[in-house]
Amino acid sequence: MTLEFTIPKLACSACVETVTTTVRDLDANAEVQADPTTKQVLIVSTTPETDLRQALTAAGYPPT
């Protein structure tokens, strides 16, 4: 499934790396595109949305 989140705390390339690693810890085959300028993250993954939201929140990047 494809999910799009806004992550207000996404501010730099290090943030993008953390978000990408967090998602790939749940799904190694996930595709992650993140733009710190727009704060938008596009995720293609088989992981349920609730699991992704919980993991991102735990990592300090809660999606809205």
Protein backbone atom coordinates (compact mmCIF):
# COMPACT_ATOMS: atom_id res chain seq x y z
CA MET A 1 0.00 0.00 0.00
CA THR A 2 1.05 3.59 -0.54
CA LEU A 3 0.80 6.03 2.35
CA GLU A 4 1.51 9.74 2.50
CA PHE A 5 2.27 11.45 5.78
CA THR A 6 3.12 14.97 6.84
CA ILE A 7 5.86 14.95 9.46
CA PRO A 8 6.30 18.47 10.88
CA LYS A 9 9.65 17.61 12.55
CA LEU A 10 11.21 16.50 9.24
CA ALA A 11 13.80 19.24 8.83
CA CYS A 12 17.02 17.88 7.30
CA SER A 13 18.74 14.97 5.58
CA ALA A 14 19.53 13.37 8.95
CA CYS A 15 15.81 13.41 9.73
CA VAL A 16 15.09 11.78 6.38
CA GLU A 17 17.65 9.07 7.17
CA THR A 18 16.08 8.39 10.57
CA VAL A 19 12.58 8.16 9.09
CA THR A 20 13.81 5.87 6.30
CA THR A 21 15.65 3.60 8.73
CA THR A 22 12.62 3.46 11.03
CA VAL A 23 10.33 2.38 8.18
CA ARG A 24 12.83 -0.14 6.81
CA ASP A 25 13.26 -1.69 10.27
CA LEU A 26 9.62 -2.74 9.89
CA ASP A 27 9.75 -3.56 6.17
CA ALA A 28 13.18 -4.00 4.59
CA ASN A 29 11.63 -3.71 1.11
CA ALA A 30 9.74 -0.48 1.79
CA GLU A 31 10.17 2.45 -0.56
CA VAL A 32 10.51 5.78 1.24
CA GLN A 33 10.57 9.23 -0.33
CA ALA A 34 10.86 12.15 2.06
CA ASP A 35 11.14 15.87 1.42
CA PRO A 36 12.22 18.04 4.36
CA THR A 37 11.14 21.18 2.49
CA THR A 38 7.48 20.12 2.26
CA LYS A 39 7.58 17.79 5.30
CA GLN A 40 5.93 15.11 3.12
CA VAL A 41 6.82 11.42 3.31
CA LEU A 42 5.62 8.85 0.79
CA ILE A 43 5.89 5.22 1.90
CA VAL A 44 5.19 2.11 -0.17
CA SER A 45 5.05 -0.82 2.24
CA THR A 46 3.09 -3.88 3.29
CA THR A 47 3.32 -2.81 6.94
CA PRO A 48 -0.01 -1.65 8.43
CA GLU A 49 -0.42 2.12 8.72
CA THR A 50 -0.90 1.94 12.49
CA ASP A 51 2.44 0.15 12.91
CA LEU A 52 4.21 2.74 10.78
CA ARG A 53 2.62 5.61 12.71
CA GLN A 54 3.63 4.06 16.04
CA ALA A 55 7.22 3.45 14.93
CA LEU A 56 7.63 6.96 13.52
CA THR A 57 6.18 8.48 16.68
CA ALA A 58 8.51 6.38 18.85
CA ALA A 59 11.45 7.60 16.73
CA GLY A 60 10.48 11.22 17.44
CA TYR A 61 8.82 11.95 14.09
CA PRO A 62 5.06 11.73 14.69
CA PRO A 63 3.07 11.95 11.45
CA THR A 64 -0.05 14.08 11.20
